Protein backbone atom coordinates (compact mmCIF):
# COMPACT_ATOMS: atom_id res chain seq x y z
CA MET A 1 0.03 -0.01 0.01
CA LYS A 2 1.38 3.39 -0.98
CA LYS A 3 1.26 6.00 1.67
CA LEU A 4 1.14 9.59 0.65
CA GLY A 5 -1.46 12.23 1.24
CA PHE A 6 -2.65 15.01 -1.04
CA GLY A 7 -3.05 18.18 0.98
CA LEU A 8 -5.58 20.67 -0.28
CA MET A 9 -4.26 23.61 1.72
CA ARG A 10 -1.85 25.11 -0.80
CA LEU A 11 -3.35 24.57 -4.25
CA PRO A 12 -2.42 26.37 -7.44
CA LEU A 13 -4.15 29.76 -7.79
CA VAL A 14 -5.52 31.71 -10.65
CA SER A 15 -4.10 34.82 -9.03
CA ALA A 16 -1.51 34.92 -6.23
CA GLU A 17 -3.41 37.78 -4.66
CA ASN A 18 -6.59 35.80 -4.06
CA PRO A 19 -6.18 32.53 -2.06
CA SER A 20 -9.84 31.65 -2.62
CA GLU A 21 -9.46 31.59 -6.46
CA ILE A 22 -8.14 28.01 -6.97
CA ASP A 23 -6.93 27.01 -10.41
CA ILE A 24 -9.43 24.15 -10.82
CA GLU A 25 -8.06 22.87 -14.17
CA LYS A 26 -4.52 22.50 -12.76
CA THR A 27 -5.82 20.95 -9.56
CA ILE A 28 -7.80 18.43 -11.63
CA GLU A 29 -4.58 17.46 -13.43
CA MET A 30 -2.79 17.03 -10.07
CA VAL A 31 -5.60 14.97 -8.51
CA ASP A 32 -5.89 12.70 -11.54
CA GLU A 33 -2.13 12.14 -11.56
CA PHE A 34 -2.11 11.41 -7.85
CA LEU A 35 -4.87 8.80 -8.25
CA LYS A 36 -3.27 7.35 -11.38
CA SER A 37 -0.04 6.86 -9.38
CA GLY A 38 -1.88 4.68 -6.88
CA PHE A 39 -2.44 7.14 -4.07
CA ASN A 40 -5.92 7.95 -2.69
CA TYR A 41 -5.78 10.02 0.57
CA PHE A 42 -6.99 13.63 0.37
CA ASP A 43 -6.87 16.14 3.24
CA THR A 44 -8.81 19.37 3.38
CA ALA A 45 -10.21 21.66 6.06
CA TRP A 46 -13.03 24.11 6.62
CA MET A 47 -10.72 27.15 6.54
CA TYR A 48 -8.24 26.26 3.80
CA HIS A 49 -8.07 28.61 0.86
CA SER A 50 -10.34 31.21 2.46
CA TYR A 51 -13.06 28.51 2.98
CA GLU A 52 -12.86 27.31 -0.67
CA SER A 53 -10.78 24.16 -0.42
CA GLU A 54 -13.73 21.94 0.36
CA ASN A 55 -15.69 23.35 -2.56
CA ALA A 56 -12.67 22.57 -4.74
CA VAL A 57 -12.73 18.97 -3.51
CA LYS A 58 -16.22 18.63 -4.96
CA LYS A 59 -15.10 20.04 -8.29
CA VAL A 60 -11.82 18.17 -8.69
CA LEU A 61 -12.49 14.87 -6.90
CA THR A 62 -15.90 13.82 -5.60
CA THR A 63 -17.96 14.63 -8.75
CA ARG A 64 -15.36 13.14 -10.98
CA HIS A 65 -14.31 9.91 -9.24
CA LYS A 66 -16.16 6.99 -7.67
CA ARG A 67 -16.41 7.29 -3.85
CA GLU A 68 -14.64 4.01 -3.28
CA GLU A 69 -11.58 5.33 -5.15
CA PHE A 70 -10.46 7.79 -2.55
CA LEU A 71 -10.27 8.57 1.17
CA ILE A 72 -11.06 12.04 2.40
CA ALA A 73 -10.24 13.81 5.65
CA THR A 74 -11.42 17.15 6.87
CA LYS A 75 -11.25 19.03 10.16
CA LEU A 76 -13.01 21.08 12.74
CA HIS A 77 -10.98 23.92 14.22
CA SER A 78 -12.04 25.28 17.59
CA ASN A 79 -11.77 28.87 16.45
CA TYR A 80 -15.03 28.39 14.57
CA VAL A 81 -17.00 26.64 17.32
CA LYS A 82 -18.88 29.04 19.57
CA SER A 83 -21.84 26.69 20.26
CA MET A 84 -22.96 23.10 19.88
CA GLU A 85 -24.97 24.26 16.87
CA ASP A 86 -21.76 25.52 15.16
CA ARG A 87 -20.15 22.09 15.21
CA ASP A 88 -23.26 20.60 13.60
CA ARG A 89 -23.68 23.42 11.05
CA ILE A 90 -20.04 23.25 10.02
CA PHE A 91 -20.11 19.48 9.69
CA SER A 92 -23.25 19.62 7.50
CA GLU A 93 -21.79 22.37 5.36
CA GLN A 94 -18.56 20.41 4.98
CA LYS A 95 -20.47 17.39 3.67
CA GLU A 96 -22.37 19.63 1.26
CA LYS A 97 -19.25 21.47 0.14
CA THR A 98 -17.22 18.33 -0.47
CA GLY A 99 -20.11 16.37 -1.97
CA VAL A 100 -19.72 13.33 0.28
CA SER A 101 -22.17 11.62 2.63
CA TYR A 102 -19.37 10.60 5.04
CA PHE A 103 -15.77 11.40 5.79
CA ASP A 104 -13.18 8.67 6.10
CA TYR A 105 -11.38 10.78 8.68
CA TYR A 106 -12.61 13.76 10.66
CA LEU A 107 -10.05 15.56 12.80
CA LEU A 108 -10.41 17.94 15.66
CA HIS A 109 -7.73 20.32 14.45
CA ASP A 110 -4.89 21.81 16.48
CA VAL A 111 -5.72 20.24 19.82
CA ARG A 112 -3.69 22.15 22.39
CA GLU A 113 -4.50 23.73 25.68
CA ALA A 114 -6.43 26.76 24.51
CA HIS A 115 -8.36 24.78 21.90
CA LEU A 116 -8.85 21.74 24.05
CA SER A 117 -11.06 23.74 26.39
CA VAL A 118 -13.35 24.66 23.43
CA PHE A 119 -13.57 21.02 22.27
CA GLU A 120 -14.44 19.94 25.80
CA LYS A 121 -16.90 22.81 26.43
CA TYR A 122 -18.95 21.78 23.34
CA ASP A 123 -18.56 18.03 23.94
CA CYS A 124 -16.80 17.57 20.56
CA PHE A 125 -15.19 14.28 21.48
CA ASN A 126 -18.49 12.57 22.21
CA TRP A 127 -20.13 14.40 19.33
CA LEU A 128 -17.50 13.04 16.96
CA LEU A 129 -18.01 9.47 18.38
CA SER A 130 -21.70 9.86 17.60
CA LYS A 131 -20.89 10.85 14.00
CA LYS A 132 -18.76 7.73 13.73
CA GLU A 133 -21.54 5.54 15.12
CA ALA A 134 -23.98 7.12 12.62
CA GLY A 135 -21.62 6.27 9.71
CA GLU A 136 -20.88 9.88 8.91
CA VAL A 137 -17.18 9.39 9.84
């Protein structure tokens, strides 16, 4: 098994001045070559590319390839969680943006002292276990 991940944090851009304007055609070439080479793990996050990375995933990967051909990981960062509703809203939007019904991996991002308190306050560990039990992760 080949082990290499395709990070969707620093994708080619149409304009260097606009991190949200991803060069979709170039990214498609990269994704297709990555899959053709026998790799299948893709990593994105809510905030990458000014909140556009997950949208790009849908355009370059999930609408173009069979779901069983790839693994996808995304993340929840504590900076965006101000309520229990936020974690649910973000998760739902992430599924919509990426075009998947489940994530192979879902990470609580940047767990350290300041962020850990947010994840604990909003019961994110148990929440994530419930997503796993429901087949969404």
